[in-house]
Amino acid sequence: MKESILHYIWQQKLFFSQQLKTTEGEPVQVIDVGKLNTDGGPDFFNAKVKIGDTLWAGNIEIHTVSGDWYKHNHHLNRAYDSVVLHVVKTADAKIYRNDGEKIPQLELKYPPEIEKNYEALLQGKKWIPCSAKIADVPALFIHSWKNALLAERLVQKTDFIAHLLQENKQHWEEAFYISLARSFGFSTNSQAFEMLAKSLSVEILGKHKANLFQIEALLFGQSGLLPVASADSYCEQLKKEYAFLKAKYHLQPIDGSQWKLLRLRPDNFPHVRLAQFAAIVHSSSKLFSKIIEFPTLEYLTQLIQCEPSEYWKTHYLFAETSAEKTKKLGQASMFSLLINSIIPFIFSYADHKGNDALKEIALGLLEKIPAEQNAIVTGWRALGMEIANAYDSQAFLQLKKCYCDDKNCLRCRIGHKVLTKKV
């Protein structure tokens, strides 16, 4: 069996706690199981156990069998001298500290259903480990877990934003510009968009805010997507303008081979996305400041719903004419930008400023946006989960990616319900 299930049983106090005794026959009372240690050293810190008439405060080490103490060389490691109780499923040997002192041992007894349920989860080949059991979990319980999952997801995104801020000397506008650019890549080209944004500061773009043509020249030039030779007059004009601006600002373009077009719909070609991004930069300076000042769904959608230049009405690529079509962001793309970049930045800024009211506004925005349409959302709905909006879909994305895919059932509240059924 996996040692992690013993950690879980100990941490959640699921063992039979009455008439506990060490392997030497001394009575044991567990007052505090301690705090799980995720780094090196004993498994649980700062536990309190009474063995016989003595109250011990120290650390707990857990193994499947006693012999693992020696297998892992704990007897040679002074970090384990603080262990006051060795907890095992099977005691097959006496164990000693580095100084030769014997350590008390406790064989953990617990309901057999826990181990049986856990093995069933681990061996399951379904879309999620508990596919056959989740329908038995109360909806109110899942709702509570959903709120915690969304908070966890936003904290993860806040950590990413904090890293961006550190890279950009706590410049919120610059960090937001890079994040928004990355989101414009819509997974396939997110890395290329981020590289582009990092190669061309928002400050330089701001100097040319009034001129959409110059913004396009800077973005397309830095992207490496301008062809070396072209019969397209607009493309040639962009190249000429970019050559001047490149020299002026000492710019170095990224490698154009970073961009991917294979299996993309034309509306998602990087050329179209760059034109849309240029239109947003052109339409509003100090974009992040405006988002914080007016964080309403109506204003935010208006802010990013910009019309690219006339050329892109009849083009998806340079020099290839297509039927005329507006290239404004579609609703799904617009909501994706809000969910993956704009709202996390509002939440992160609110957290940075200690502004709980603004945090609630960010959460409220997610509740107003329709749920994403993807395979994960479809999968959860097939299992009977109610996903009404982006608040819900983001929570269930977090559950699938950070718990179910890794079979991390021991950290999942739904997993806990399944594991402890009939216990």
Protein backbone atom coordinates (compact mmCIF):
# COMPACT_ATOMS: atom_id res chain seq x y z
CA MET A 1 0.00 0.00 0.00
CA LYS A 2 1.03 3.63 -0.45
CA GLU A 3 2.48 5.44 2.54
CA SER A 4 0.42 8.51 1.59
CA ILE A 5 -2.82 6.80 2.65
CA LEU A 6 -1.35 6.30 6.14
CA HIS A 7 -0.44 10.01 6.22
CA TYR A 8 -4.03 10.79 5.28
CA ILE A 9 -5.53 8.48 7.91
CA TRP A 10 -3.28 9.97 10.59
CA GLN A 11 -3.88 13.59 9.54
CA GLN A 12 -7.67 13.15 9.35
CA LYS A 13 -7.76 11.10 12.59
CA LEU A 14 -9.55 8.23 10.85
CA PHE A 15 -7.79 5.55 12.91
CA PHE A 16 -9.37 3.71 15.82
CA SER A 17 -8.36 5.98 18.70
CA GLN A 18 -9.67 3.94 21.63
CA GLN A 19 -7.24 1.84 23.67
CA LEU A 20 -4.21 2.68 21.56
CA LYS A 21 -1.02 0.96 22.68
CA THR A 22 2.59 0.93 21.56
CA THR A 23 4.13 -2.32 20.38
CA GLU A 24 5.57 -2.53 23.93
CA GLY A 25 2.06 -2.35 25.44
CA GLU A 26 2.15 1.22 26.75
CA PRO A 27 -1.12 3.20 26.40
CA VAL A 28 -1.09 6.00 23.80
CA GLN A 29 -3.28 9.08 23.66
CA VAL A 30 -3.06 11.27 20.53
CA ILE A 31 -3.69 14.87 21.58
CA ASP A 32 -2.50 16.59 18.38
CA VAL A 33 -1.50 14.73 15.20
CA GLY A 34 0.80 17.62 14.24
CA LYS A 35 1.22 19.47 10.97
CA LEU A 36 2.01 17.64 7.72
CA ASN A 37 5.54 18.34 6.51
CA THR A 38 5.86 18.64 2.72
CA ASP A 39 9.65 19.11 2.80
CA GLY A 40 12.50 16.94 4.07
CA GLY A 41 12.46 15.53 7.58
CA PRO A 42 9.81 13.78 9.69
CA ASP A 43 6.30 13.49 8.24
CA PHE A 44 4.45 15.49 10.92
CA PHE A 45 5.81 18.37 13.00
CA ASN A 46 4.76 19.59 16.44
CA ALA A 47 2.60 16.65 17.43
CA LYS A 48 1.52 15.95 21.00
CA VAL A 49 1.10 12.39 22.24
CA LYS A 50 0.86 10.92 25.71
CA ILE A 51 2.71 7.62 26.04
CA GLY A 52 2.21 5.98 29.40
CA ASP A 53 2.31 8.82 31.92
CA THR A 54 4.57 11.06 29.81
CA LEU A 55 3.36 13.84 27.51
CA TRP A 56 5.60 14.15 24.46
CA ALA A 57 5.80 17.12 22.08
CA GLY A 58 7.73 16.38 18.92
CA ASN A 59 7.57 14.86 15.48
CA ILE A 60 5.89 11.80 13.99
CA GLU A 61 7.33 9.56 11.28
CA ILE A 62 5.04 7.23 9.34
CA HIS A 63 5.96 4.11 7.35
CA THR A 64 4.17 1.10 5.93
CA VAL A 65 6.56 -1.21 7.80
CA SER A 66 9.10 -0.50 10.55
CA GLY A 67 12.00 -1.64 8.39
CA ASP A 68 11.57 1.41 6.16
CA TRP A 69 13.15 3.44 8.97
CA TYR A 70 16.46 1.76 8.14
CA LYS A 71 15.77 1.50 4.42
CA HIS A 72 15.50 5.30 4.33
CA ASN A 73 18.57 5.72 6.60
CA HIS A 74 16.65 7.69 9.22
CA HIS A 75 18.75 6.05 11.93
CA LEU A 76 21.77 7.92 10.53
CA ASN A 77 20.01 11.28 10.13
CA ARG A 78 19.95 13.61 13.16
CA ALA A 79 16.87 15.37 11.70
CA TYR A 80 14.92 12.32 12.90
CA ASP A 81 16.18 12.46 16.49
CA SER A 82 13.09 14.57 17.30
CA VAL A 83 10.69 11.73 16.40
CA VAL A 84 8.66 10.82 19.50
CA LEU A 85 6.46 8.15 17.87
CA HIS A 86 6.92 5.90 14.85
CA VAL A 87 3.53 5.10 13.28
CA VAL A 88 3.31 2.05 10.99
CA LYS A 89 0.82 -0.34 9.48
CA THR A 90 3.00 -3.31 10.39
CA ALA A 91 5.73 -3.29 13.04
CA ASP A 92 8.31 -5.78 11.78
CA ALA A 93 11.36 -4.43 13.61
CA LYS A 94 12.45 -2.34 16.58
CA ILE A 95 13.85 1.06 15.63
CA TYR A 96 16.41 3.36 17.22
CA ARG A 97 17.51 6.96 16.99
CA ASN A 98 20.96 8.04 15.87
CA ASP A 99 22.09 7.97 19.53
CA GLY A 100 20.86 4.38 20.00
CA GLU A 101 17.71 5.21 21.97
CA LYS A 102 14.66 3.09 21.13
CA ILE A 103 11.66 4.93 19.59
CA PRO A 104 8.10 3.91 20.61
CA GLN A 105 6.01 2.47 17.78
CA LEU A 106 2.28 2.40 17.13
CA GLU A 107 0.58 0.03 14.70
CA LEU A 108 -2.22 2.06 13.10
CA LYS A 109 -5.62 0.36 13.03
CA TYR A 110 -8.39 1.83 10.89
CA PRO A 111 -11.61 0.87 9.06
CA PRO A 112 -10.73 -1.41 6.12
CA GLU A 113 -13.12 0.52 3.84
CA ILE A 114 -10.68 3.43 3.65
CA GLU A 115 -7.93 1.37 2.07
CA LYS A 116 -10.42 -0.48 -0.14
CA ASN A 117 -11.99 2.75 -1.39
CA TYR A 118 -8.58 4.32 -2.00
CA GLU A 119 -7.36 1.37 -4.06
CA ALA A 120 -10.56 1.55 -6.13
CA LEU A 121 -9.88 5.23 -6.85
CA LEU A 122 -6.26 4.63 -7.82
CA GLN A 123 -7.07 1.73 -10.11
CA GLY A 124 -10.01 3.44 -11.79
CA LYS A 125 -9.67 4.13 -15.52
CA LYS A 126 -12.61 6.53 -15.78
CA TRP A 127 -12.46 10.22 -16.76
CA ILE A 128 -12.04 11.03 -13.06
CA PRO A 129 -11.23 8.44 -10.36
CA CYS A 130 -14.56 8.86 -8.55
CA SER A 131 -16.84 8.92 -11.62
CA ALA A 132 -19.00 6.13 -10.21
CA LYS A 133 -19.21 7.69 -6.73
CA ILE A 134 -19.53 11.45 -7.20
CA ALA A 135 -23.31 11.32 -7.68
CA ASP A 136 -23.59 10.23 -4.02
CA VAL A 137 -21.80 13.36 -2.76
CA PRO A 138 -24.28 16.03 -1.55
CA ALA A 139 -24.62 19.06 -3.86
CA LEU A 140 -24.20 21.47 -0.94
CA PHE A 141 -20.87 19.84 -0.09
CA ILE A 142 -19.67 20.16 -3.71
CA HIS A 143 -20.77 23.81 -3.76
CA SER A 144 -18.61 24.55 -0.71
CA TRP A 145 -15.61 22.78 -2.29
CA LYS A 146 -16.20 24.69 -5.53
CA ASN A 147 -15.76 28.02 -3.72
CA ALA A 148 -12.47 26.86 -2.23
CA LEU A 149 -11.28 25.59 -5.63
CA LEU A 150 -11.93 28.93 -7.30
CA ALA A 151 -10.06 30.74 -4.54
CA GLU A 152 -7.17 28.31 -5.01
CA ARG A 153 -7.14 28.92 -8.78
CA LEU A 154 -7.11 32.70 -8.33
CA VAL A 155 -4.27 32.43 -5.81
CA GLN A 156 -2.26 30.43 -8.37
CA LYS A 157 -2.87 33.13 -10.97
CA THR A 158 -1.96 35.78 -8.40
CA ASP A 159 1.38 34.00 -7.90
CA PHE A 160 2.00 34.14 -11.67
CA ILE A 161 1.14 37.85 -11.69
CA ALA A 162 3.47 38.46 -8.72
CA HIS A 163 6.26 36.84 -10.74
CA LEU A 164 5.47 39.10 -13.71
CA LEU A 165 5.52 42.15 -11.45
CA GLN A 166 8.88 41.12 -10.03
CA GLU A 167 10.27 40.78 -13.55
CA ASN A 168 8.95 44.25 -14.43
CA LYS A 169 9.94 46.22 -11.33
CA GLN A 170 6.37 46.25 -9.92
CA HIS A 171 5.09 48.07 -13.02
CA TRP A 172 1.42 47.05 -13.11
CA GLU A 173 0.73 48.44 -16.59
CA GLU A 174 3.69 46.57 -18.09
CA ALA A 175 2.85 43.32 -16.32
CA PHE A 176 -0.79 43.55 -17.40
CA TYR A 177 0.21 44.27 -20.99
CA ILE A 178 2.38 41.12 -21.05
CA SER A 179 -0.38 39.03 -19.47
CA LEU A 180 -3.01 40.31 -21.89
CA ALA A 181 -0.69 39.63 -24.82
CA ARG A 182 -0.10 36.09 -23.58
CA SER A 183 -3.86 35.51 -23.37
CA PHE A 184 -4.22 36.71 -26.97
CA GLY A 185 -2.25 33.62 -27.96
CA PHE A 186 -5.19 31.45 -26.85
CA SER A 187 -2.97 28.52 -25.75
CA THR A 188 -1.49 27.73 -29.19
CA ASN A 189 0.49 30.98 -29.49
CA SER A 190 0.54 32.18 -25.89
CA GLN A 191 4.31 31.74 -25.53
CA ALA A 192 5.04 33.58 -28.78
CA PHE A 193 2.75 36.45 -27.75
CA GLU A 194 4.47 36.69 -24.37
CA MET A 195 7.90 36.76 -26.02
CA LEU A 196 6.70 39.51 -28.34
CA ALA A 197 5.34 41.63 -25.48
CA LYS A 198 8.56 41.24 -23.51
CA SER A 199 10.56 42.37 -26.56
CA LEU A 200 8.49 45.55 -26.97
CA SER A 201 7.62 47.59 -23.90
CA VAL A 202 4.21 49.14 -23.35
CA GLU A 203 6.04 52.44 -22.90
CA ILE A 204 7.27 52.38 -26.52
CA LEU A 205 3.82 51.45 -27.79
CA GLY A 206 2.34 54.26 -25.70
CA LYS A 207 4.44 56.81 -27.56
CA HIS A 208 2.64 55.82 -30.76
CA LYS A 209 -0.82 55.28 -29.27
CA ALA A 210 -2.45 57.81 -31.60
CA ASN A 211 -1.20 56.06 -34.74
CA LEU A 212 -2.64 52.57 -35.34
CA PHE A 213 -0.41 52.04 -38.37
CA GLN A 214 2.74 52.59 -36.29
CA ILE A 215 1.47 50.27 -33.56
CA GLU A 216 0.87 47.57 -36.18
CA ALA A 217 4.32 48.19 -37.63
CA LEU A 218 5.91 47.72 -34.20
CA LEU A 219 3.92 44.61 -33.30
CA PHE A 220 4.16 42.86 -36.67
CA GLY A 221 7.80 43.84 -37.03
CA GLN A 222 8.73 42.53 -33.59
CA SER A 223 6.71 39.37 -34.19
CA GLY A 224 8.96 38.29 -37.06
CA LEU A 225 5.86 37.71 -39.21
CA LEU A 226 6.56 40.39 -41.81
CA PRO A 227 7.65 38.53 -44.99
CA VAL A 228 11.08 39.31 -46.42
CA ALA A 229 9.63 40.10 -49.83
CA SER A 230 6.02 40.82 -50.70
CA ALA A 231 3.99 42.35 -53.51
CA ASP A 232 1.48 43.52 -50.91
CA SER A 233 1.74 47.31 -50.65
CA TYR A 234 0.40 47.48 -47.07
CA CYS A 235 2.92 44.90 -45.94
CA GLU A 236 5.75 46.83 -47.60
CA GLN A 237 4.62 50.04 -45.87
CA LEU A 238 4.67 48.26 -42.51
CA LYS A 239 8.17 46.96 -43.19
CA LYS A 240 9.41 50.43 -44.08
CA GLU A 241 7.88 51.98 -40.97
CA TYR A 242 9.18 49.18 -38.77
CA ALA A 243 12.72 49.57 -40.12
CA PHE A 244 12.68 53.20 -38.98
CA LEU A 245 11.19 52.42 -35.54
CA LYS A 246 13.46 49.43 -35.03
CA ALA A 247 16.52 51.61 -35.50
CA LYS A 248 15.07 54.38 -33.34
CA TYR A 249 14.39 52.11 -30.35
CA HIS A 250 17.18 49.56 -30.95
CA LEU A 251 14.66 46.72 -31.19
CA GLN A 252 15.36 43.05 -31.81
CA PRO A 253 12.46 41.00 -33.25
CA ILE A 254 11.62 37.51 -32.03
CA ASP A 255 12.00 34.48 -34.28
CA GLY A 256 8.95 34.27 -36.55
CA SER A 257 9.10 30.47 -36.47
CA GLN A 258 7.72 30.62 -32.90
CA TRP A 259 4.24 31.20 -34.30
CA LYS A 260 1.94 28.26 -35.07
CA LEU A 261 -0.75 28.25 -37.76
CA LEU A 262 -1.25 24.52 -38.27
CA ARG A 263 -4.80 23.37 -37.53
CA LEU A 264 -5.88 26.88 -36.50
CA ARG A 265 -9.10 28.38 -37.76
CA PRO A 266 -8.40 31.54 -39.83
CA ASP A 267 -10.04 33.74 -37.16
CA ASN A 268 -7.38 32.53 -34.75
CA PHE A 269 -4.37 33.12 -37.02
CA PRO A 270 -1.67 35.10 -35.17
CA HIS A 271 -1.84 37.86 -37.81
CA VAL A 272 -5.51 38.47 -36.96
CA ARG A 273 -4.86 38.31 -33.22
CA LEU A 274 -1.99 40.79 -33.56
CA ALA A 275 -4.23 43.17 -35.50
CA GLN A 276 -6.86 42.91 -32.76
CA PHE A 277 -4.25 43.46 -30.06
CA ALA A 278 -2.93 46.51 -31.92
CA ALA A 279 -6.46 47.95 -32.04
CA ILE A 280 -6.82 47.60 -28.25
CA VAL A 281 -3.45 49.28 -27.62
CA HIS A 282 -4.47 52.06 -30.02
CA SER A 283 -7.86 52.63 -28.42
CA SER A 284 -6.75 53.11 -24.84
CA SER A 285 -3.62 54.17 -23.03
CA LYS A 286 -3.11 53.24 -19.36
CA LEU A 287 -5.31 50.22 -20.00
CA PHE A 288 -4.85 48.62 -16.60
CA SER A 289 -5.66 51.85 -14.74
CA LYS A 290 -8.94 52.13 -16.63
CA ILE A 291 -9.82 48.51 -15.86
CA ILE A 292 -9.31 49.12 -12.14
CA GLU A 293 -11.25 52.39 -12.28
CA PHE A 294 -14.29 50.94 -14.09
CA PRO A 295 -14.42 47.19 -13.40
CA THR A 296 -17.87 46.55 -14.85
CA LEU A 297 -18.58 43.85 -17.42
CA GLU A 298 -20.11 46.36 -19.82
CA TYR A 299 -17.09 48.65 -19.73
CA LEU A 300 -14.51 45.87 -19.89
CA THR A 301 -16.12 44.23 -22.93
CA GLN A 302 -16.36 47.61 -24.65
CA LEU A 303 -12.69 48.25 -23.91
CA ILE A 304 -11.46 45.10 -25.68
CA GLN A 305 -14.08 45.01 -28.44
CA CYS A 306 -12.07 47.07 -30.94
CA GLU A 307 -12.11 47.05 -34.74
CA PRO A 308 -8.73 46.25 -36.36
CA SER A 309 -7.50 48.36 -39.27
CA GLU A 310 -9.30 48.29 -42.63
CA TYR A 311 -6.72 45.97 -44.23
CA TRP A 312 -7.71 43.05 -41.99
CA LYS A 313 -11.34 43.11 -43.10
CA THR A 314 -10.22 41.34 -46.27
CA HIS A 315 -7.13 39.48 -45.00
CA TYR A 316 -6.19 36.70 -42.59
CA LEU A 317 -2.58 36.69 -43.79
CA PHE A 318 -0.40 39.17 -45.63
CA ALA A 319 -0.91 39.25 -49.42
CA GLU A 320 -3.82 36.77 -49.34
CA THR A 321 -7.17 38.43 -49.98
CA SER A 322 -10.31 36.90 -48.45
CA ALA A 323 -14.01 37.71 -48.40
CA GLU A 324 -14.75 40.84 -46.40
CA LYS A 325 -15.49 40.17 -42.74
CA THR A 326 -15.19 42.19 -39.57
CA LYS A 327 -12.33 40.94 -37.39
CA LYS A 328 -13.60 42.11 -34.02
CA LEU A 329 -13.09 39.67 -31.17
CA GLY A 330 -15.79 37.02 -30.98
CA GLN A 331 -17.74 36.68 -27.75
CA ALA A 332 -16.00 33.46 -26.68
CA SER A 333 -12.56 35.03 -27.26
CA MET A 334 -13.55 38.17 -25.41
CA PHE A 335 -14.76 36.20 -22.41
CA SER A 336 -11.57 34.11 -22.48
CA LEU A 337 -9.46 37.28 -22.16
CA LEU A 338 -11.59 38.43 -19.24
CA ILE A 339 -11.39 35.08 -17.46
CA ASN A 340 -7.69 34.37 -18.01
CA SER A 341 -6.09 37.79 -17.78
CA ILE A 342 -8.26 40.78 -16.91
CA ILE A 343 -10.23 39.41 -13.93
CA PRO A 344 -7.19 37.68 -12.34
CA PHE A 345 -5.34 41.01 -12.55
CA ILE A 346 -8.23 42.83 -10.88
CA PHE A 347 -8.27 40.19 -8.14
CA SER A 348 -4.48 40.30 -7.72
CA TYR A 349 -4.44 44.10 -7.52
CA ALA A 350 -7.25 44.00 -4.94
CA ASP A 351 -5.28 41.45 -2.93
CA HIS A 352 -2.16 43.62 -3.16
CA LYS A 353 -4.09 46.66 -1.90
CA GLY A 354 -6.11 44.75 0.69
CA ASN A 355 -9.29 45.84 -1.07
CA ASP A 356 -11.89 43.16 -0.26
CA ALA A 357 -14.66 45.06 -2.06
CA LEU A 358 -12.69 44.95 -5.32
CA LYS A 359 -12.06 41.22 -4.78
CA GLU A 360 -15.82 40.67 -4.56
CA ILE A 361 -16.27 42.65 -7.77
CA ALA A 362 -13.78 40.34 -9.52
CA LEU A 363 -15.66 37.26 -8.29
CA GLY A 364 -18.94 38.84 -9.32
CA LEU A 365 -17.62 39.35 -12.85
CA LEU A 366 -16.95 35.62 -13.15
CA GLU A 367 -20.53 34.92 -12.10
CA LYS A 368 -21.82 37.16 -14.92
CA ILE A 369 -19.78 35.48 -17.66
CA PRO A 370 -21.07 32.27 -19.29
CA ALA A 371 -19.21 29.05 -18.51
CA GLU A 372 -16.42 28.14 -20.91
CA GLN A 373 -17.25 25.55 -23.52
CA ASN A 374 -14.55 22.87 -23.52
CA ALA A 375 -14.07 19.15 -23.02
CA ILE A 376 -13.53 19.48 -19.27
CA VAL A 377 -16.76 21.41 -18.71
CA THR A 378 -18.60 18.90 -20.92
CA GLY A 379 -17.15 16.03 -18.88
CA TRP A 380 -18.29 17.48 -15.56
CA ARG A 381 -21.77 18.16 -16.88
CA ALA A 382 -22.01 14.56 -18.06
CA LEU A 383 -21.43 13.55 -14.42
CA GLY A 384 -24.32 15.74 -13.31
CA MET A 385 -22.36 18.76 -12.11
CA GLU A 386 -24.11 22.12 -12.43
CA ILE A 387 -21.86 24.62 -14.21
CA ALA A 388 -23.80 27.84 -14.68
CA ASN A 389 -21.08 30.42 -15.29
CA ALA A 390 -17.34 31.10 -15.46
CA TYR A 391 -17.10 31.02 -11.66
CA ASP A 392 -18.22 27.40 -11.78
CA SER A 393 -16.22 26.38 -14.85
CA GLN A 394 -12.97 27.81 -13.45
CA ALA A 395 -13.51 25.93 -10.19
CA PHE A 396 -14.12 22.64 -11.98
CA LEU A 397 -11.13 23.20 -14.28
CA GLN A 398 -9.02 23.54 -11.13
CA LEU A 399 -10.48 20.34 -9.72
CA LYS A 400 -9.80 18.34 -12.89
CA LYS A 401 -6.28 19.63 -13.57
CA CYS A 402 -4.90 19.81 -10.03
CA TYR A 403 -6.66 16.89 -8.37
CA CYS A 404 -8.36 14.39 -10.67
CA ASP A 405 -5.68 14.18 -13.38
CA ASP A 406 -3.00 13.45 -10.76
CA LYS A 407 -5.33 11.18 -8.73
CA ASN A 408 -4.73 13.54 -5.85
CA CYS A 409 -7.82 12.19 -4.08
CA LEU A 410 -6.31 12.46 -0.60
CA ARG A 411 -6.29 16.27 -0.88
CA CYS A 412 -9.75 16.49 -2.45
CA ARG A 413 -12.85 17.06 -0.33
CA ILE A 414 -14.91 14.92 -2.69
CA GLY A 415 -12.22 12.25 -2.43
CA HIS A 416 -12.50 12.46 1.36
CA LYS A 417 -16.24 11.81 1.17
CA VAL A 418 -15.70 8.82 -1.11
CA LEU A 419 -12.85 7.40 0.99
CA THR A 420 -14.74 7.63 4.26
CA LYS A 421 -18.03 6.24 3.00
CA LYS A 422 -19.43 3.69 5.50
CA VAL A 423 -16.65 4.55 7.97
